[in-house]
Amino acid sequence: MRFWPSSIRFKQHWLLQAVLSACVFHVAFMPIMPVGAAETSEAGQSAPLAADSYQAFNRYAVDHVILPALADFETQTQLLDKAVVAFCQAPTEAGLEEIRGQYQKSADAWMQLSFIRFGPNVLLMRNARVHFWPDKRRQVDRQLKALLKSENVARLEPKKFAKDSVALQGLPALERLFFPEDQVKSAAFQTKPAFRCMLAQAISQNLAHLSRDLQRDWTGTQGAEHFAKALTEAGADAPHFATAQEATAALFKSAYTELQAILDLKLIAVLGPSLEKPRPFLVESALAQRTWRNIQQNIAVQKKLYGPQGKDGFRRALLGGEKGQALDQHIQSLYQDLEARLQGMETPLITMISDEKGRAEITAMIAVLRDLKNAYAGPLAAALGTPIGFNSLDGD
């Protein structure tokens, strides 16, 4: 099975994928004028790297970032599903804590994958089904309450549930069942415990299936298309990427958009217009108290893609000259700054947005993230020969 007809090339794929997923931040291909480290042609466009440089980066991204994260996500969601089943068979406080621990590990694994906005991750809206966020209209709360009230068992049948609302299918819905607001321990299951358990098992089983499907489509098991090879073996006759540079562009633009999402959606949006008007309902994973942990995971995978091991990541494009080395040092210092700030964040974000001192700390982090995003959008994009166009976050 192919994800798209072989006659459709990469730029068309990108637009098609954006239609498939409500949460896909599609990237248009309007070029910008590059600035900074890379040499430019007479037309003002970035001079591309050698083909083997793009190939080396794509192999590195697949082997050291994507496939390990996929394997971990599959492992953790299978364990989460088992923990939910065990708890529902014999509810105990220890069983509830086991679920909460496995939820955290599953969410950690997903945050290492959420930057990917193409290929199997957006097929059949998988990104949104795993983690429906941002949820500006509070659809998860509303739909979960409605389903709990109705106790409609028929909707929980696996094939039907997989086609139900994306707001019900993934981590945010499960979070609300096992990390209820203003309730502790197993109190959440004292009301309608039987149906709540059936719903929790439907969600955990759905997540386990989604993780297996992602692993299958990326690795080519069970006769599926081997999408990892699409990134590492791009070519004129390949179905997705005509060149290794196109494959690198897909990864780089996804990484850049993730930085923009952290900045604009996870931080700026929740601050609101003023101290008196924050937006706590937009805070990601607030009930599980893992908002900062999500961002830590997001930044960790961004840094890994950039290339902590030296020549293998995006920084490969910066090793050839004095300007490139200076930019590399600047970007590394920004990542170090972000890591230090995140490690020191002990107060939940949802609390900090209503506190003057907390908002100042968030604002300082926003400034660092903005510097990093600008370094990616300008000189790093130019050095890689992959200019950033407009995307669906622009103007929000």
Protein backbone atom coordinates (compact mmCIF):
# COMPACT_ATOMS: atom_id res chain seq x y z
CA MET A 1 0.00 0.00 0.00
CA ARG A 2 1.25 3.46 -0.86
CA PHE A 3 0.35 6.58 1.07
CA TRP A 4 0.04 8.62 -2.13
CA PRO A 5 0.22 7.89 -5.88
CA SER A 6 3.80 7.60 -7.09
CA SER A 7 3.26 10.37 -9.63
CA ILE A 8 2.71 12.96 -6.89
CA ARG A 9 5.89 14.67 -5.75
CA PHE A 10 6.90 16.01 -2.38
CA LYS A 11 5.33 19.48 -2.47
CA GLN A 12 1.99 18.02 -3.47
CA HIS A 13 2.31 15.45 -0.69
CA TRP A 14 2.75 18.21 1.86
CA LEU A 15 -0.50 19.91 0.90
CA LEU A 16 -2.41 16.62 0.78
CA GLN A 17 -1.21 15.68 4.23
CA ALA A 18 -2.35 19.01 5.62
CA VAL A 19 -5.88 18.21 4.44
CA LEU A 20 -5.72 14.77 6.07
CA SER A 21 -4.97 16.07 9.57
CA ALA A 22 -6.77 18.79 11.50
CA CYS A 23 -3.63 19.38 13.54
CA VAL A 24 -1.10 19.34 10.72
CA PHE A 25 0.75 22.62 10.36
CA HIS A 26 1.30 22.44 6.61
CA VAL A 27 4.22 24.36 5.20
CA ALA A 28 3.87 26.31 1.98
CA PHE A 29 6.86 26.66 -0.24
CA MET A 30 7.07 30.39 -0.82
CA PRO A 31 10.81 31.12 -0.59
CA ILE A 32 12.32 33.77 1.64
CA MET A 33 15.54 35.67 1.11
CA PRO A 34 18.22 33.73 3.01
CA VAL A 35 20.60 35.55 5.29
CA GLY A 36 23.71 34.60 7.19
CA ALA A 37 26.03 31.65 6.94
CA ALA A 38 25.37 30.06 3.54
CA GLU A 39 26.66 31.17 0.18
CA THR A 40 23.93 32.30 -2.20
CA SER A 41 23.46 32.12 -5.90
CA GLU A 42 23.04 35.17 -8.18
CA ALA A 43 19.29 34.69 -7.91
CA GLY A 44 19.51 35.14 -4.15
CA GLN A 45 18.69 31.52 -3.27
CA SER A 46 20.76 29.33 -0.97
CA ALA A 47 23.37 27.16 -2.61
CA PRO A 48 22.49 23.52 -1.78
CA LEU A 49 24.85 21.21 0.05
CA ALA A 50 26.37 18.16 -1.58
CA ALA A 51 23.89 15.31 -1.96
CA ASP A 52 25.81 13.08 0.45
CA SER A 53 25.41 15.70 3.19
CA TYR A 54 21.63 15.55 2.90
CA GLN A 55 21.74 11.75 2.76
CA ALA A 56 23.89 11.62 5.88
CA PHE A 57 21.51 13.84 7.79
CA ASN A 58 18.43 11.86 6.70
CA ARG A 59 20.03 8.60 7.80
CA TYR A 60 21.00 10.15 11.11
CA ALA A 61 17.48 11.50 11.72
CA VAL A 62 15.87 8.14 10.92
CA ASP A 63 18.32 5.90 12.79
CA HIS A 64 19.01 8.04 15.85
CA VAL A 65 15.83 10.08 16.32
CA ILE A 66 12.71 8.74 14.59
CA LEU A 67 13.00 4.94 14.82
CA PRO A 68 14.10 4.87 18.49
CA ALA A 69 11.24 7.20 19.42
CA LEU A 70 8.75 5.06 17.50
CA ALA A 71 9.96 1.91 19.25
CA ASP A 72 9.68 3.60 22.64
CA PHE A 73 6.19 4.93 21.89
CA GLU A 74 5.01 1.46 20.92
CA THR A 75 6.53 -0.10 24.04
CA GLN A 76 5.12 2.48 26.43
CA THR A 77 1.59 2.48 24.98
CA GLN A 78 1.43 -1.32 25.11
CA LEU A 79 2.44 -1.18 28.79
CA LEU A 80 -0.09 1.59 29.38
CA ASP A 81 -2.86 -0.53 27.86
CA LYS A 82 -1.90 -3.49 30.07
CA ALA A 83 -1.89 -1.25 33.15
CA VAL A 84 -5.39 0.06 32.37
CA VAL A 85 -6.75 -3.47 31.86
CA ALA A 86 -5.18 -4.66 35.11
CA PHE A 87 -6.56 -1.70 37.06
CA CYS A 88 -10.06 -2.17 35.72
CA GLN A 89 -10.02 -5.85 36.64
CA ALA A 90 -9.00 -5.05 40.21
CA PRO A 91 -8.93 -1.31 41.03
CA THR A 92 -6.30 -0.37 43.61
CA GLU A 93 -4.39 2.77 44.50
CA ALA A 94 -1.19 1.03 43.39
CA GLY A 95 -2.79 0.18 40.06
CA LEU A 96 -3.83 3.79 39.54
CA GLU A 97 -0.29 4.97 40.23
CA GLU A 98 1.00 2.43 37.72
CA ILE A 99 -1.33 3.87 35.07
CA ARG A 100 -0.24 7.40 35.86
CA GLY A 101 3.41 6.44 35.57
CA GLN A 102 2.85 4.70 32.25
CA TYR A 103 0.84 7.65 31.00
CA GLN A 104 3.82 9.91 31.69
CA LYS A 105 6.20 7.58 29.85
CA SER A 106 3.84 7.30 26.87
CA ALA A 107 3.48 11.07 26.70
CA ASP A 108 7.27 11.47 26.91
CA ALA A 109 7.65 9.16 23.93
CA TRP A 110 5.01 11.01 21.93
CA MET A 111 6.65 14.37 22.57
CA GLN A 112 9.72 12.95 20.84
CA LEU A 113 7.58 12.23 17.75
CA SER A 114 5.10 15.10 17.64
CA PHE A 115 7.37 17.33 15.54
CA ILE A 116 6.89 15.06 12.48
CA ARG A 117 4.24 16.64 10.28
CA PHE A 118 4.33 14.41 7.22
CA GLY A 119 4.17 10.75 6.20
CA PRO A 120 2.63 8.10 8.48
CA ASN A 121 2.23 10.54 11.38
CA VAL A 122 -0.46 12.53 9.59
CA LEU A 123 -2.03 9.66 7.67
CA LEU A 124 -5.60 9.11 8.94
CA MET A 125 -5.14 12.06 11.31
CA ARG A 126 -2.88 10.04 13.62
CA ASN A 127 -1.20 13.10 15.12
CA ALA A 128 -4.53 14.51 16.27
CA ARG A 129 -5.84 11.13 17.40
CA VAL A 130 -2.84 10.59 19.67
CA HIS A 131 -2.70 14.12 21.08
CA PHE A 132 -5.59 16.44 20.29
CA TRP A 133 -4.11 19.82 21.16
CA PRO A 134 -4.43 22.81 21.15
CA ASP A 135 -8.04 22.45 22.20
CA LYS A 136 -9.32 26.03 22.00
CA ARG A 137 -12.98 25.01 22.21
CA ARG A 138 -12.43 22.50 25.04
CA GLN A 139 -13.72 19.68 22.91
CA VAL A 140 -12.03 16.97 24.98
CA ASP A 141 -13.88 18.03 28.16
CA ARG A 142 -17.21 18.51 26.43
CA GLN A 143 -17.21 15.31 24.43
CA LEU A 144 -15.84 13.21 27.28
CA LYS A 145 -18.56 14.46 29.65
CA ALA A 146 -21.23 13.80 27.03
CA LEU A 147 -20.01 10.25 26.42
CA LEU A 148 -19.79 9.51 30.15
CA LYS A 149 -23.33 10.81 30.60
CA SER A 150 -24.71 8.71 27.75
CA GLU A 151 -22.84 5.51 28.69
CA ASN A 152 -23.07 4.52 25.03
CA VAL A 153 -21.20 1.21 25.04
CA ALA A 154 -21.64 0.73 21.29
CA ARG A 155 -19.35 3.68 20.57
CA LEU A 156 -16.48 1.95 22.39
CA GLU A 157 -16.25 -0.94 19.94
CA PRO A 158 -12.64 -0.69 18.65
CA LYS A 159 -13.36 -0.11 14.96
CA LYS A 160 -16.10 2.42 15.74
CA PHE A 161 -14.01 4.16 18.38
CA ALA A 162 -11.10 4.57 15.95
CA LYS A 163 -13.46 6.56 13.71
CA ASP A 164 -15.01 8.59 16.52
CA SER A 165 -14.02 12.14 17.39
CA VAL A 166 -10.26 12.70 17.61
CA ALA A 167 -10.90 14.56 20.88
CA LEU A 168 -11.83 11.27 22.56
CA GLN A 169 -9.18 8.95 21.20
CA GLY A 170 -5.85 9.85 22.75
CA LEU A 171 -3.68 11.07 25.57
CA PRO A 172 -5.67 14.21 26.56
CA ALA A 173 -8.87 12.19 27.07
CA LEU A 174 -7.05 9.55 29.10
CA GLU A 175 -5.42 12.32 31.14
CA ARG A 176 -8.83 13.59 32.20
CA LEU A 177 -9.86 10.13 33.36
CA PHE A 178 -6.78 9.40 35.46
CA PHE A 179 -5.70 12.91 36.49
CA PRO A 180 -9.09 14.46 37.32
CA GLU A 181 -9.24 18.07 38.43
CA ASP A 182 -9.82 18.55 42.18
CA GLN A 183 -9.87 14.79 42.77
CA VAL A 184 -7.22 12.46 44.09
CA LYS A 185 -6.31 8.80 43.86
CA SER A 186 -9.11 6.53 42.60
CA ALA A 187 -11.92 8.98 43.36
CA ALA A 188 -12.37 9.50 39.62
CA PHE A 189 -13.68 5.96 39.32
CA GLN A 190 -16.23 6.12 42.13
CA THR A 191 -18.80 7.53 39.68
CA LYS A 192 -19.90 5.13 36.94
CA PRO A 193 -16.78 2.99 37.43
CA ALA A 194 -17.79 0.28 34.97
CA PHE A 195 -18.31 2.60 32.01
CA ARG A 196 -15.31 4.76 32.92
CA CYS A 197 -13.15 1.65 32.82
CA MET A 198 -14.59 0.57 29.48
CA LEU A 199 -13.87 4.03 28.08
CA ALA A 200 -10.35 4.07 29.52
CA GLN A 201 -9.65 0.67 27.96
CA ALA A 202 -11.03 1.85 24.61
CA ILE A 203 -8.62 4.81 24.67
CA SER A 204 -5.56 2.85 25.82
CA GLN A 205 -6.22 0.11 23.26
CA ASN A 206 -6.64 2.74 20.56
CA LEU A 207 -3.28 4.30 21.49
CA ALA A 208 -1.64 0.87 21.41
CA HIS A 209 -3.06 0.26 17.93
CA LEU A 210 -1.95 3.67 16.70
CA SER A 211 1.59 3.08 17.94
CA ARG A 212 1.72 -0.30 16.17
CA ASP A 213 0.39 1.24 12.97
CA LEU A 214 3.02 3.97 13.07
CA GLN A 215 5.79 1.44 13.65
CA ARG A 216 4.48 -0.72 10.80
CA ASP A 217 4.30 2.13 8.29
CA TRP A 218 7.70 3.57 9.17
CA THR A 219 9.50 0.23 9.14
CA GLY A 220 7.65 -1.63 6.40
CA THR A 221 6.46 -4.54 8.52
CA GLN A 222 3.32 -6.52 7.63
CA GLY A 223 3.65 -5.53 3.98
CA ALA A 224 3.28 -1.79 4.61
CA GLU A 225 5.29 0.83 2.77
CA HIS A 226 8.69 1.43 4.39
CA PHE A 227 8.55 5.19 4.95
CA ALA A 228 11.94 5.32 6.65
CA LYS A 229 13.42 4.29 3.31
CA ALA A 230 11.51 7.12 1.65
CA LEU A 231 13.64 9.50 3.70
CA THR A 232 16.94 7.68 3.33
CA GLU A 233 16.62 6.48 -0.27
CA ALA A 234 15.13 9.48 -2.06
CA GLY A 235 15.50 9.52 -5.83
CA ALA A 236 14.00 10.42 -9.18
CA ASP A 237 11.85 7.28 -9.26
CA ALA A 238 10.97 7.31 -5.56
CA PRO A 239 7.30 7.93 -4.65
CA HIS A 240 7.78 10.70 -2.08
CA PHE A 241 11.06 12.60 -2.34
CA ALA A 242 12.80 13.18 -5.66
CA THR A 243 16.05 14.15 -3.92
CA ALA A 244 17.69 13.76 -0.53
CA GLN A 245 17.45 17.56 -0.19
CA GLU A 246 13.65 17.35 -0.39
CA ALA A 247 13.63 14.77 2.39
CA THR A 248 15.84 17.01 4.53
CA ALA A 249 13.50 19.91 3.81
CA ALA A 250 10.55 17.91 5.17
CA LEU A 251 12.40 17.23 8.41
CA PHE A 252 13.76 20.75 8.78
CA LYS A 253 10.44 22.45 8.15
CA SER A 254 8.73 20.13 10.64
CA ALA A 255 11.41 20.94 13.21
CA TYR A 256 11.07 24.67 12.60
CA THR A 257 7.28 24.52 12.88
CA GLU A 258 7.64 22.65 16.18
CA LEU A 259 9.78 25.49 17.53
CA GLN A 260 7.12 27.94 16.43
CA ALA A 261 4.40 25.83 18.09
CA ILE A 262 6.30 25.78 21.39
CA LEU A 263 6.73 29.53 21.21
CA ASP A 264 3.33 30.63 19.95
CA LEU A 265 0.95 27.94 21.26
CA LYS A 266 2.55 26.50 24.37
CA LEU A 267 3.80 29.79 25.83
CA ILE A 268 2.61 33.04 24.23
CA ALA A 269 -1.01 31.93 23.80
CA VAL A 270 -1.42 30.82 27.40
CA LEU A 271 0.00 34.07 28.81
CA GLY A 272 -2.94 35.92 27.35
CA PRO A 273 -3.02 39.68 26.87
CA SER A 274 -2.21 40.57 30.49
CA LEU A 275 -1.67 39.36 34.04
CA GLU A 276 -5.38 39.78 34.65
CA LYS A 277 -6.37 37.83 31.53
CA PRO A 278 -4.27 34.66 31.20
CA ARG A 279 -5.63 31.65 29.31
CA PRO A 280 -5.26 28.62 31.61
CA PHE A 281 -7.65 26.53 29.51
CA LEU A 282 -5.02 26.53 26.72
CA VAL A 283 -2.25 25.07 28.88
CA GLU A 284 -1.08 21.72 27.53
CA SER A 285 -1.27 18.63 29.80
CA ALA A 286 -2.08 20.75 32.87
CA LEU A 287 -3.93 18.03 34.80
CA ALA A 288 -0.97 15.65 34.55
CA GLN A 289 1.28 18.55 35.56
CA ARG A 290 3.61 17.88 32.67
CA THR A 291 3.46 21.11 30.67
CA TRP A 292 7.13 21.94 31.26
CA ARG A 293 8.00 18.26 30.83
CA ASN A 294 6.40 18.31 27.39
CA ILE A 295 8.49 21.30 26.38
CA GLN A 296 11.62 19.66 27.81
CA GLN A 297 10.99 16.63 25.59
CA ASN A 298 10.27 18.85 22.58
CA ILE A 299 13.51 20.78 23.04
CA ALA A 300 15.50 17.60 23.66
CA VAL A 301 14.48 16.13 20.30
CA GLN A 302 15.10 19.45 18.55
CA LYS A 303 18.62 19.52 19.97
CA LYS A 304 19.14 15.92 18.89
CA LEU A 305 18.06 16.77 15.34
CA TYR A 306 20.38 19.75 15.34
CA GLY A 307 23.21 17.35 16.06
CA PRO A 308 24.82 17.03 19.48
CA GLN A 309 27.08 14.38 18.01
CA GLY A 310 28.74 16.85 15.67
CA LYS A 311 28.54 16.52 11.93
CA ASP A 312 25.43 14.32 11.73
CA GLY A 313 22.61 16.79 12.42
CA PHE A 314 21.53 20.10 10.92
CA ARG A 315 24.79 21.59 12.14
CA ARG A 316 26.55 19.58 9.42
CA ALA A 317 25.72 22.53 7.15
CA LEU A 318 27.65 24.94 9.38
CA LEU A 319 31.03 23.21 9.66
CA GLY A 320 32.68 24.68 6.59
CA GLY A 321 33.41 28.30 7.45
CA GLU A 322 33.96 30.88 10.15
CA LYS A 323 30.43 32.31 9.92
CA GLY A 324 28.95 28.84 10.12
CA GLN A 325 30.98 27.98 13.21
CA ALA A 326 29.89 31.20 14.90
CA LEU A 327 26.25 30.40 14.14
CA ASP A 328 26.74 26.86 15.44
CA GLN A 329 28.10 28.20 18.73
CA HIS A 330 25.19 30.64 18.98
CA ILE A 331 22.59 27.93 18.42
CA GLN A 332 24.28 25.58 20.89
CA SER A 333 24.31 28.34 23.50
CA LEU A 334 20.58 28.93 22.97
CA TYR A 335 19.84 25.23 23.51
CA GLN A 336 21.97 25.24 26.67
CA ASP A 337 20.12 28.30 27.92
CA LEU A 338 16.74 26.68 27.29
CA GLU A 339 17.77 23.45 29.00
CA ALA A 340 18.96 25.33 32.08
CA ARG A 341 15.74 27.34 32.28
CA LEU A 342 13.55 24.26 31.85
CA GLN A 343 15.43 22.32 34.52
CA GLY A 344 14.75 25.15 36.95
CA MET A 345 11.00 25.27 36.28
CA GLU A 346 9.41 23.75 39.38
CA THR A 347 6.16 25.73 39.43
CA PRO A 348 3.46 24.51 37.01
CA LEU A 349 3.00 26.77 34.00
CA ILE A 350 -0.70 27.09 34.73
CA THR A 351 0.20 28.72 38.05
CA MET A 352 2.97 30.91 36.66
CA ILE A 353 0.76 32.65 34.10
CA SER A 354 -1.23 34.27 36.92
CA ASP A 355 1.85 35.46 38.80
CA GLU A 356 3.91 38.51 37.88
CA LYS A 357 7.26 36.86 38.67
CA GLY A 358 6.22 33.69 36.86
CA ARG A 359 5.20 35.61 33.76
CA ALA A 360 8.58 37.34 33.76
CA GLU A 361 10.33 33.95 33.74
CA ILE A 362 8.12 32.75 30.89
CA THR A 363 8.78 35.95 28.95
CA ALA A 364 12.54 35.47 29.34
CA MET A 365 12.23 31.94 27.94
CA ILE A 366 10.13 33.24 25.07
CA ALA A 367 12.97 35.61 24.13
CA VAL A 368 15.45 32.72 23.94
CA LEU A 369 13.05 30.61 21.89
CA ARG A 370 12.43 33.51 19.54
CA ASP A 371 16.18 33.88 18.98
CA LEU A 372 16.44 30.15 18.24
CA LYS A 373 13.48 30.23 15.86
CA ASN A 374 14.97 33.20 14.01
CA ALA A 375 18.33 31.45 13.72
CA TYR A 376 16.56 28.49 12.14
CA ALA A 377 14.39 30.57 9.83
CA GLY A 378 17.25 32.71 8.51
CA PRO A 379 20.90 31.61 8.51
CA LEU A 380 20.44 27.91 9.29
CA ALA A 381 17.74 27.52 6.62
CA ALA A 382 20.03 29.31 4.19
CA ALA A 383 22.97 27.07 5.07
CA LEU A 384 20.84 23.97 4.51
CA GLY A 385 19.38 25.30 1.26
CA THR A 386 15.86 24.80 2.66
CA PRO A 387 14.23 28.25 2.99
CA ILE A 388 11.24 28.45 5.32
CA GLY A 389 8.00 29.64 3.76
CA PHE A 390 4.76 30.54 5.46
CA ASN A 391 2.95 27.92 7.50
CA SER A 392 -0.43 27.62 9.20
CA LEU A 393 0.87 29.12 12.46
CA ASP A 394 1.82 32.41 10.80
CA GLY A 395 -0.60 35.16 11.70
CA ASP A 396 -2.16 33.34 14.67
